[in-house]
Amino acid sequence: MALLVAAALAFVLLHLLVSGTRLRDALTGTIGSGPYMGLFSLASVGLIVWLSMSYGPARADALNTVWWGATPATKWIQLGLMLVAFLLVVPGLTTPNPTSVRQEGALEKPDVIKGMLRITRHPFLWGVAVWAAGHLLVNGDLASLVLFGAMLALAVFGTVSIDAKRKRALGATWDNFAAQTSNVPFAAIAAGRQSLKVGEIGWWRLALAVALWAGTIFAHQLMFGVSPLP
């Protein structure tokens, strides 16, 4: 359990205290953007591997207290949440977005705010947040709270960190983009700053998201040893 907690803390702190902060600015100013991105990516992958390898033993640990488990009802809810997560993640990864790594230049396009960006300027991270929250719903043991809780916290606070980083780097250009969009999904639409245009997202993106969701459901037991079906 201690290894999982250490890995989760290291993973979250790496992103919240380095990525998106002035420490990142200082590091890139010293070693350059390319070397920084390489080292940061290597550290991130290493910590993800550490998290993954620590999770299984932690679940078998005597200290792994279980407060709740999955029920047929929560499994159905979880399946719905995973569909929402895929509908955010897949378009989020395939849509030009100035909040994504090395895509700041997308702000130069006059029509950058369309499709998924009308819903949120952080679709990928909110998809990860929904994914983590769904897994917490059906996994009430301490090890799962550490793993998925860390992912949920990182995804939510990561959106704020990225916004701060972009504001420092892009100034008024970023302010104009942020004023027309929202961090929280659907907030800009609810405020009247945007309108929902599903067709702009791209039907192929939505179809791919649904296909990957369905494929993950049926491959989940093979990959992770647990069926998500009620």
Foldseek 3Di string as FASTA:
>chain_A
DVQLLVLLVVLLCLCPVAPLDVNVVVVCVPPNDVVVVVVSVVVNVVSVVSNVVVLVVVCVDPQWDFDDADDQVLLVVLLVLLLQLLLLQLLQVVQQACLDPPRVVCLVDPPSCDACQQFASQSNLVSQLSNLVSQCSHGRIPSSCSSSVSSNVSSVVSLVSSLSSCCVVPPPSSVVSPVLGDHHTCPNVVVVSGPHDNVRSPPVSSVVSVVVSVVCQVCVCVVPVDHSHD
